[in-house]
Amino acid sequence: MSMAALACVASFTRGLRSAFATAATLLALQVAFALFSPWATRVYAASEGLPLRDYTSGVPRMAMLIPATLLLGVAALGLAVAVSRRATYAVGGALGGAAIAATFPWQAVLLGTAPLPAVELAATIAAGALLGAAGGLLGERLGGALHRLVPAPAREVV
């Protein structure tokens, strides 16, 4: 879904600046979630006089749901555009999906979970490439359809 969203933004705006801004905004949101969620949990529990639950850890689960490496997806789309005159969103989506899938398990490791075995990591990367290619194609189609919905600028009658 990440590559579909980035490809849709890139296809709609006919450039990568907005896709880069989208990825950077999501990275900023992830940092905000990682800092805010544990603090808000402690403050709310203290204000209600509740003890924290036994299974509550300091790991921000919401921040783990957003891939921190979406900028790699934008770089993959940019690479695909630079190699070909026609923006090949399927190739860029496959490269970006594989890069995001390869780095996403390590994001979880940084937050305290066990690393994936090599076989599962390879399967995750392959699935990420396939889903990234499908997302790139879907995003290109959706962005093109949205671009066609934008009305043409009104001509000035003199």
N, C-alpha and C. Protein backbone atom coordinates (compact mmCIF):
# COMPACT_ATOMS: atom_id res chain seq x y z
N MET A 1 0.81 -1.20 0.00
CA MET A 1 0.00 0.00 0.00
C MET A 1 0.86 1.27 0.00
N SER A 2 2.01 1.18 0.61
CA SER A 2 2.87 2.35 0.67
C SER A 2 3.31 2.78 -0.72
N MET A 3 3.71 1.80 -1.54
CA MET A 3 4.16 2.14 -2.88
C MET A 3 2.99 2.60 -3.75
N ALA A 4 1.80 2.07 -3.52
CA ALA A 4 0.63 2.52 -4.26
C ALA A 4 0.35 3.99 -3.95
N ALA A 5 0.46 4.35 -2.68
CA ALA A 5 0.21 5.74 -2.30
C ALA A 5 1.27 6.66 -2.89
N LEU A 6 2.54 6.27 -2.80
CA LEU A 6 3.61 7.11 -3.36
C LEU A 6 3.49 7.23 -4.87
N ALA A 7 3.19 6.13 -5.55
CA ALA A 7 3.04 6.17 -7.01
C ALA A 7 1.82 6.99 -7.41
N CYS A 8 0.77 6.93 -6.63
CA CYS A 8 -0.43 7.72 -6.92
C CYS A 8 -0.12 9.21 -6.81
N VAL A 9 0.59 9.58 -5.75
CA VAL A 9 0.95 10.99 -5.57
C VAL A 9 1.88 11.44 -6.70
N ALA A 10 2.87 10.61 -7.04
CA ALA A 10 3.81 10.97 -8.10
C ALA A 10 3.12 11.06 -9.46
N SER A 11 2.19 10.15 -9.72
CA SER A 11 1.49 10.17 -11.00
C SER A 11 0.52 11.34 -11.09
N PHE A 12 -0.13 11.65 -9.98
CA PHE A 12 -1.10 12.76 -9.98
C PHE A 12 -0.39 14.10 -10.17
N THR A 13 0.72 14.29 -9.49
CA THR A 13 1.41 15.58 -9.56
C THR A 13 2.42 15.64 -10.69
N ARG A 14 2.65 14.51 -11.36
CA ARG A 14 3.61 14.41 -12.47
C ARG A 14 5.03 14.77 -12.03
N GLY A 15 5.37 14.40 -10.81
CA GLY A 15 6.71 14.65 -10.29
C GLY A 15 6.92 13.92 -8.98
N LEU A 16 8.14 13.99 -8.48
CA LEU A 16 8.48 13.26 -7.27
C LEU A 16 8.55 14.15 -6.03
N ARG A 17 8.43 15.45 -6.19
CA ARG A 17 8.51 16.34 -5.03
C ARG A 17 7.40 16.07 -4.02
N SER A 18 6.20 15.89 -4.52
CA SER A 18 5.08 15.64 -3.62
C SER A 18 5.18 14.26 -2.99
N ALA A 19 5.69 13.28 -3.72
CA ALA A 19 5.90 11.95 -3.16
C ALA A 19 6.96 12.02 -2.06
N PHE A 20 8.01 12.79 -2.29
CA PHE A 20 9.03 12.98 -1.26
C PHE A 20 8.44 13.66 -0.03
N ALA A 21 7.61 14.69 -0.25
CA ALA A 21 6.98 15.38 0.88
C ALA A 21 6.05 14.45 1.64
N THR A 22 5.34 13.58 0.94
CA THR A 22 4.47 12.62 1.60
C THR A 22 5.27 11.66 2.46
N ALA A 23 6.36 11.12 1.92
CA ALA A 23 7.20 10.19 2.68
C ALA A 23 7.84 10.88 3.88
N ALA A 24 8.30 12.11 3.70
CA ALA A 24 8.90 12.85 4.81
C ALA A 24 7.87 13.16 5.89
N THR A 25 6.64 13.48 5.49
CA THR A 25 5.58 13.75 6.46
C THR A 25 5.25 12.49 7.26
N LEU A 26 5.19 11.35 6.59
CA LEU A 26 4.92 10.11 7.31
C LEU A 26 6.06 9.75 8.26
N LEU A 27 7.29 10.05 7.88
CA LEU A 27 8.42 9.82 8.77
C LEU A 27 8.32 10.73 10.00
N ALA A 28 7.94 11.98 9.79
CA ALA A 28 7.75 12.90 10.92
C ALA A 28 6.62 12.43 11.84
N LEU A 29 5.53 11.93 11.24
CA LEU A 29 4.44 11.38 12.05
C LEU A 29 4.89 10.17 12.86
N GLN A 30 5.72 9.34 12.26
CA GLN A 30 6.21 8.17 12.98
C GLN A 30 7.04 8.58 14.19
N VAL A 31 7.89 9.57 14.02
CA VAL A 31 8.69 10.06 15.14
C VAL A 31 7.78 10.65 16.21
N ALA A 32 6.77 11.40 15.79
CA ALA A 32 5.83 11.97 16.76
C ALA A 32 5.07 10.88 17.51
N PHE A 33 4.61 9.85 16.80
CA PHE A 33 3.93 8.73 17.47
C PHE A 33 4.86 8.02 18.44
N ALA A 34 6.11 7.83 18.04
CA ALA A 34 7.06 7.11 18.89
C ALA A 34 7.35 7.88 20.18
N LEU A 35 7.35 9.19 20.11
CA LEU A 35 7.61 10.00 21.30
C LEU A 35 6.35 10.25 22.11
N PHE A 36 5.23 10.45 21.44
CA PHE A 36 4.00 10.85 22.13
C PHE A 36 3.28 9.69 22.80
N SER A 37 3.19 8.55 22.15
CA SER A 37 2.37 7.45 22.66
C SER A 37 2.78 6.96 24.05
N PRO A 38 4.06 6.64 24.30
CA PRO A 38 4.41 6.20 25.65
C PRO A 38 4.17 7.28 26.70
N TRP A 39 4.48 8.52 26.35
CA TRP A 39 4.26 9.62 27.29
C TRP A 39 2.77 9.77 27.60
N ALA A 40 1.93 9.75 26.57
CA ALA A 40 0.48 9.91 26.78
C ALA A 40 -0.09 8.76 27.59
N THR A 41 0.42 7.56 27.40
CA THR A 41 -0.05 6.41 28.17
C THR A 41 0.27 6.60 29.65
N ARG A 42 1.48 7.02 29.95
CA ARG A 42 1.87 7.23 31.36
C ARG A 42 1.07 8.37 31.99
N VAL A 43 0.91 9.47 31.26
CA VAL A 43 0.18 10.62 31.82
C VAL A 43 -1.28 10.28 32.05
N TYR A 44 -1.90 9.59 31.11
CA TYR A 44 -3.31 9.22 31.27
C TYR A 44 -3.49 8.26 32.44
N ALA A 45 -2.61 7.28 32.55
CA ALA A 45 -2.72 6.32 33.66
C ALA A 45 -2.53 7.02 35.00
N ALA A 46 -1.59 7.96 35.07
CA ALA A 46 -1.36 8.68 36.32
C ALA A 46 -2.55 9.59 36.66
N SER A 47 -3.16 10.21 35.65
CA SER A 47 -4.28 11.12 35.92
C SER A 47 -5.52 10.37 36.37
N GLU A 48 -5.67 9.13 35.95
CA GLU A 48 -6.83 8.32 36.34
C GLU A 48 -6.55 7.47 37.58
N GLY A 49 -5.30 7.50 38.04
CA GLY A 49 -4.93 6.69 39.19
C GLY A 49 -4.85 5.21 38.85
N LEU A 50 -4.56 4.90 37.62
CA LEU A 50 -4.48 3.51 37.18
C LEU A 50 -3.03 3.04 37.14
N PRO A 51 -2.79 1.84 37.59
CA PRO A 51 -1.43 1.30 37.36
C PRO A 51 -1.32 0.86 35.90
N LEU A 52 -0.12 0.93 35.39
CA LEU A 52 0.07 0.45 34.02
C LEU A 52 -0.06 -1.06 34.01
N ARG A 53 -0.59 -1.60 32.94
CA ARG A 53 -0.79 -3.04 32.83
C ARG A 53 0.55 -3.76 32.73
N ASP A 54 0.52 -5.03 33.09
CA ASP A 54 1.75 -5.84 33.05
C ASP A 54 2.29 -5.99 31.64
N TYR A 55 1.39 -6.09 30.66
CA TYR A 55 1.84 -6.33 29.29
C TYR A 55 2.19 -5.05 28.54
N THR A 56 2.12 -3.93 29.19
CA THR A 56 2.48 -2.68 28.53
C THR A 56 3.99 -2.53 28.54
N SER A 57 4.56 -2.36 27.37
CA SER A 57 6.00 -2.15 27.26
C SER A 57 6.25 -0.72 26.78
N GLY A 58 7.49 -0.35 26.74
CA GLY A 58 7.83 0.98 26.27
C GLY A 58 7.93 1.06 24.75
N VAL A 59 7.59 -0.03 24.07
CA VAL A 59 7.70 -0.06 22.61
C VAL A 59 6.46 0.58 22.00
N PRO A 60 6.63 1.64 21.21
CA PRO A 60 5.48 2.28 20.57
C PRO A 60 4.95 1.45 19.40
N ARG A 61 3.85 0.76 19.61
CA ARG A 61 3.31 -0.13 18.57
C ARG A 61 2.80 0.65 17.36
N MET A 62 2.22 1.81 17.57
CA MET A 62 1.69 2.58 16.45
C MET A 62 2.80 3.01 15.50
N ALA A 63 3.95 3.36 16.06
CA ALA A 63 5.07 3.79 15.23
C ALA A 63 5.63 2.63 14.41
N MET A 64 5.47 1.41 14.90
CA MET A 64 5.99 0.26 14.17
C MET A 64 5.14 -0.08 12.94
N LEU A 65 3.93 0.45 12.86
CA LEU A 65 3.05 0.14 11.73
C LEU A 65 3.38 0.95 10.48
N ILE A 66 4.10 2.03 10.63
CA ILE A 66 4.46 2.89 9.49
C ILE A 66 5.91 2.60 9.12
N PRO A 67 6.17 2.22 7.89
CA PRO A 67 7.57 1.99 7.52
C PRO A 67 8.37 3.28 7.55
N ALA A 68 9.52 3.24 8.19
CA ALA A 68 10.37 4.43 8.31
C ALA A 68 11.17 4.68 7.04
N THR A 69 11.14 3.74 6.12
CA THR A 69 12.00 3.83 4.95
C THR A 69 11.23 4.16 3.68
N LEU A 70 10.15 4.91 3.78
CA LEU A 70 9.40 5.28 2.59
C LEU A 70 10.22 6.15 1.64
N LEU A 71 11.23 6.82 2.18
CA LEU A 71 12.09 7.62 1.32
C LEU A 71 12.84 6.73 0.33
N LEU A 72 13.09 5.45 0.72
CA LEU A 72 13.67 4.50 -0.23
C LEU A 72 12.71 4.23 -1.38
N GLY A 73 11.41 4.21 -1.09
CA GLY A 73 10.42 4.04 -2.15
C GLY A 73 10.42 5.19 -3.13
N VAL A 74 10.56 6.40 -2.62
CA VAL A 74 10.64 7.57 -3.50
C VAL A 74 11.92 7.50 -4.33
N ALA A 75 13.02 7.07 -3.70
CA ALA A 75 14.27 6.94 -4.45
C ALA A 75 14.14 5.89 -5.55
N ALA A 76 13.43 4.80 -5.27
CA ALA A 76 13.23 3.76 -6.29
C ALA A 76 12.38 4.29 -7.43
N LEU A 77 11.34 5.05 -7.13
CA LEU A 77 10.55 5.65 -8.20
C LEU A 77 11.39 6.63 -9.01
N GLY A 78 12.21 7.41 -8.34
CA GLY A 78 13.09 8.34 -9.03
C GLY A 78 14.10 7.63 -9.92
N LEU A 79 14.62 6.51 -9.43
CA LEU A 79 15.55 5.72 -10.24
C LEU A 79 14.87 5.16 -11.48
N ALA A 80 13.65 4.67 -11.31
CA ALA A 80 12.91 4.13 -12.46
C ALA A 80 12.60 5.23 -13.47
N VAL A 81 12.29 6.42 -13.00
CA VAL A 81 12.00 7.54 -13.90
C VAL A 81 13.28 7.98 -14.61
N ALA A 82 14.41 7.98 -13.89
CA ALA A 82 15.68 8.41 -14.50
C ALA A 82 16.16 7.43 -15.56
N VAL A 83 15.91 6.15 -15.36
CA VAL A 83 16.37 5.14 -16.31
C VAL A 83 15.52 5.16 -17.58
N SER A 84 14.23 5.41 -17.43
CA SER A 84 13.33 5.36 -18.57
C SER A 84 12.66 6.71 -18.74
N ARG A 85 12.43 7.11 -19.97
CA ARG A 85 11.71 8.37 -20.20
C ARG A 85 10.28 8.27 -19.71
N ARG A 86 9.66 7.13 -19.95
CA ARG A 86 8.32 6.91 -19.45
C ARG A 86 8.45 6.41 -18.02
N ALA A 87 7.70 6.99 -17.12
CA ALA A 87 7.78 6.61 -15.71
C ALA A 87 7.28 5.17 -15.55
N THR A 88 8.17 4.28 -15.25
CA THR A 88 7.81 2.87 -15.08
C THR A 88 7.52 2.63 -13.60
N TYR A 89 6.28 2.86 -13.23
CA TYR A 89 5.90 2.75 -11.83
C TYR A 89 5.92 1.31 -11.34
N ALA A 90 5.76 0.33 -12.24
CA ALA A 90 5.81 -1.07 -11.82
C ALA A 90 7.23 -1.43 -11.37
N VAL A 91 8.23 -1.00 -12.14
CA VAL A 91 9.62 -1.28 -11.76
C VAL A 91 9.99 -0.50 -10.50
N GLY A 92 9.64 0.75 -10.46
CA GLY A 92 9.91 1.55 -9.26
C GLY A 92 9.18 1.00 -8.05
N GLY A 93 7.95 0.55 -8.24
CA GLY A 93 7.19 -0.04 -7.14
C GLY A 93 7.81 -1.32 -6.66
N ALA A 94 8.31 -2.14 -7.60
CA ALA A 94 8.97 -3.40 -7.21
C ALA A 94 10.26 -3.12 -6.43
N LEU A 95 11.07 -2.17 -6.92
CA LEU A 95 12.30 -1.82 -6.21
C LEU A 95 12.00 -1.23 -4.84
N GLY A 96 11.05 -0.31 -4.80
CA GLY A 96 10.69 0.31 -3.54
C GLY A 96 10.05 -0.68 -2.57
N GLY A 97 9.18 -1.54 -3.08
CA GLY A 97 8.55 -2.55 -2.23
C GLY A 97 9.57 -3.51 -1.64
N ALA A 98 10.54 -3.92 -2.47
CA ALA A 98 11.61 -4.80 -1.97
C ALA A 98 12.46 -4.09 -0.93
N ALA A 99 12.79 -2.82 -1.16
CA ALA A 99 13.60 -2.07 -0.20
C ALA A 99 12.86 -1.87 1.12
N ILE A 100 11.59 -1.53 1.04
CA ILE A 100 10.81 -1.33 2.26
C ILE A 100 10.64 -2.65 2.99
N ALA A 101 10.36 -3.73 2.25
CA ALA A 101 10.20 -5.04 2.88
C ALA A 101 11.50 -5.53 3.50
N ALA A 102 12.63 -5.19 2.91
CA ALA A 102 13.92 -5.61 3.46
C ALA A 102 14.26 -4.86 4.74
N THR A 103 13.87 -3.61 4.83
CA THR A 103 14.25 -2.81 6.00
C THR A 103 13.18 -2.80 7.09
N PHE A 104 11.95 -3.14 6.76
CA PHE A 104 10.88 -3.08 7.76
C PHE A 104 11.11 -4.03 8.93
N PRO A 105 11.57 -5.29 8.71
CA PRO A 105 11.83 -6.14 9.87
C PRO A 105 12.93 -5.59 10.78
N TRP A 106 13.90 -4.88 10.21
CA TRP A 106 14.97 -4.32 11.04
C TRP A 106 14.46 -3.14 11.85
N GLN A 107 13.45 -2.49 11.35
CA GLN A 107 12.81 -1.42 12.12
C GLN A 107 12.21 -2.01 13.40
N ALA A 108 11.58 -3.16 13.28
CA ALA A 108 11.02 -3.83 14.46
C ALA A 108 12.12 -4.30 15.41
N VAL A 109 13.25 -4.74 14.85
CA VAL A 109 14.38 -5.18 15.69
C VAL A 109 14.91 -4.00 16.50
N LEU A 110 14.98 -2.83 15.89
CA LEU A 110 15.44 -1.65 16.61
C LEU A 110 14.53 -1.29 17.77
N LEU A 111 13.26 -1.67 17.66
CA LEU A 111 12.30 -1.38 18.72
C LEU A 111 12.12 -2.54 19.69
N GLY A 112 12.96 -3.57 19.56
CA GLY A 112 12.99 -4.60 20.59
C GLY A 112 12.37 -5.94 20.27
N THR A 113 12.07 -6.26 19.03
CA THR A 113 11.53 -7.57 18.72
C THR A 113 12.63 -8.46 18.13
N ALA A 114 12.36 -9.74 18.01
CA ALA A 114 13.35 -10.68 17.50
C ALA A 114 13.49 -10.54 15.98
N PRO A 115 14.70 -10.72 15.45
CA PRO A 115 14.89 -10.62 13.99
C PRO A 115 14.26 -11.81 13.27
N LEU A 116 13.93 -11.60 12.01
CA LEU A 116 13.37 -12.67 11.19
C LEU A 116 14.47 -13.62 10.73
N PRO A 117 14.16 -14.91 10.62
CA PRO A 117 15.12 -15.84 10.00
C PRO A 117 15.34 -15.47 8.53
N ALA A 118 16.47 -15.91 7.98
CA ALA A 118 16.84 -15.53 6.61
C ALA A 118 15.82 -15.97 5.58
N VAL A 119 15.24 -17.16 5.76
CA VAL A 119 14.26 -17.66 4.79
C VAL A 119 13.02 -16.78 4.80
N GLU A 120 12.56 -16.41 5.99
CA GLU A 120 11.38 -15.54 6.08
C GLU A 120 11.68 -14.15 5.56
N LEU A 121 12.89 -13.67 5.78
CA LEU A 121 13.26 -12.35 5.26
C LEU A 121 13.28 -12.36 3.74
N ALA A 122 13.82 -13.42 3.13
CA ALA A 122 13.83 -13.53 1.67
C ALA A 122 12.40 -13.59 1.12
N ALA A 123 11.54 -14.34 1.78
CA ALA A 123 10.14 -14.41 1.34
C ALA A 123 9.45 -13.06 1.50
N THR A 124 9.78 -12.35 2.56
CA THR A 124 9.21 -11.02 2.78
C THR A 124 9.65 -10.05 1.70
N ILE A 125 10.92 -10.12 1.32
CA ILE A 125 11.43 -9.23 0.26
C ILE A 125 10.78 -9.55 -1.08
N ALA A 126 10.62 -10.85 -1.38
CA ALA A 126 9.98 -11.24 -2.64
C ALA A 126 8.52 -10.78 -2.67
N ALA A 127 7.82 -10.98 -1.56
CA ALA A 127 6.42 -10.54 -1.49
C ALA A 127 6.34 -9.02 -1.58
N GLY A 128 7.29 -8.33 -0.95
CA GLY A 128 7.32 -6.87 -1.03
C GLY A 128 7.54 -6.37 -2.44
N ALA A 129 8.40 -7.06 -3.19
CA ALA A 129 8.64 -6.68 -4.59
C ALA A 129 7.39 -6.89 -5.43
N LEU A 130 6.72 -8.02 -5.26
CA LEU A 130 5.50 -8.29 -6.03
C LEU A 130 4.39 -7.31 -5.67
N LEU A 131 4.18 -7.11 -4.38
CA LEU A 131 3.13 -6.18 -3.97
C LEU A 131 3.50 -4.74 -4.31
N GLY A 132 4.79 -4.41 -4.27
CA GLY A 132 5.23 -3.07 -4.66
C GLY A 132 5.00 -2.81 -6.14
N ALA A 133 5.25 -3.83 -6.98
CA ALA A 133 4.99 -3.68 -8.42
C ALA A 133 3.50 -3.49 -8.67
N ALA A 134 2.68 -4.30 -8.00
CA ALA A 134 1.22 -4.14 -8.15
C ALA A 134 0.77 -2.78 -7.62
N GLY A 135 1.35 -2.36 -6.51
CA GLY A 135 1.00 -1.05 -5.96
C GLY A 135 1.45 0.09 -6.86
N GLY A 136 2.61 -0.06 -7.49
CA GLY A 136 3.08 0.96 -8.43
C GLY A 136 2.15 1.11 -9.62
N LEU A 137 1.71 -0.03 -10.17
CA LEU A 137 0.76 0.03 -11.29
C LEU A 137 -0.57 0.63 -10.86
N LEU A 138 -1.07 0.19 -9.71
CA LEU A 138 -2.34 0.71 -9.20
C LEU A 138 -2.24 2.21 -8.92
N GLY A 139 -1.15 2.62 -8.29
CA GLY A 139 -0.96 4.04 -8.00
C GLY A 139 -0.85 4.89 -9.24
N GLU A 140 -0.17 4.35 -10.27
CA GLU A 140 -0.07 5.08 -11.53
C GLU A 140 -1.45 5.28 -12.15
N ARG A 141 -2.26 4.23 -12.14
CA ARG A 141 -3.61 4.33 -12.72
C ARG A 141 -4.49 5.29 -11.93
N LEU A 142 -4.45 5.17 -10.60
CA LEU A 142 -5.28 6.06 -9.78
C LEU A 142 -4.83 7.52 -9.90
N GLY A 143 -3.51 7.73 -9.90
CA GLY A 143 -3.01 9.09 -10.05
C GLY A 143 -3.35 9.69 -11.40
N GLY A 144 -3.28 8.86 -12.46
CA GLY A 144 -3.67 9.34 -13.79
C GLY A 144 -5.14 9.69 -13.86
N ALA A 145 -5.97 8.86 -13.22
CA ALA A 145 -7.42 9.15 -13.20
C ALA A 145 -7.70 10.42 -12.41
N LEU A 146 -7.03 10.61 -11.30
CA LEU A 146 -7.22 11.84 -10.52
C LEU A 146 -6.74 13.06 -11.29
N HIS A 147 -5.65 12.89 -12.03
CA HIS A 147 -5.11 14.01 -12.80
C HIS A 147 -6.09 14.44 -13.89
N ARG A 148 -6.80 13.49 -14.45
CA ARG A 148 -7.78 13.82 -15.49
C ARG A 148 -9.01 14.52 -14.92
N LEU A 149 -9.25 14.38 -13.64
CA LEU A 149 -10.40 15.04 -13.02
C LEU A 149 -10.17 16.51 -12.74
N VAL A 150 -8.92 16.94 -12.75
CA VAL A 150 -8.61 18.34 -12.49
C VAL A 150 -9.09 19.17 -13.67
N PRO A 151 -9.92 20.16 -13.42
CA PRO A 151 -10.41 20.96 -14.54
C PRO A 151 -9.29 21.79 -15.18
N ALA A 152 -9.42 21.99 -16.46
CA ALA A 152 -8.46 22.82 -17.18
C ALA A 152 -8.60 24.26 -16.72
N PRO A 153 -7.51 25.00 -16.72
CA PRO A 153 -7.61 26.41 -16.30
C PRO A 153 -8.55 27.16 -17.25
N ALA A 154 -9.33 28.03 -16.67
CA ALA A 154 -10.29 28.80 -17.48
C ALA A 154 -9.55 29.76 -18.38
N ARG A 155 -9.99 29.82 -19.62
CA ARG A 155 -9.40 30.74 -20.57
C ARG A 155 -10.03 32.10 -20.40
N GLU A 156 -9.19 33.10 -20.46
CA GLU A 156 -9.66 34.47 -20.28
C GLU A 156 -10.22 34.99 -21.61
N VAL A 157 -11.42 35.50 -21.54
CA VAL A 157 -12.06 36.04 -22.74
C VAL A 157 -11.87 37.56 -22.69
N VAL A 158 -11.32 38.10 -23.80
CA VAL A 158 -11.05 39.54 -23.83
C VAL A 158 -11.97 40.19 -24.81
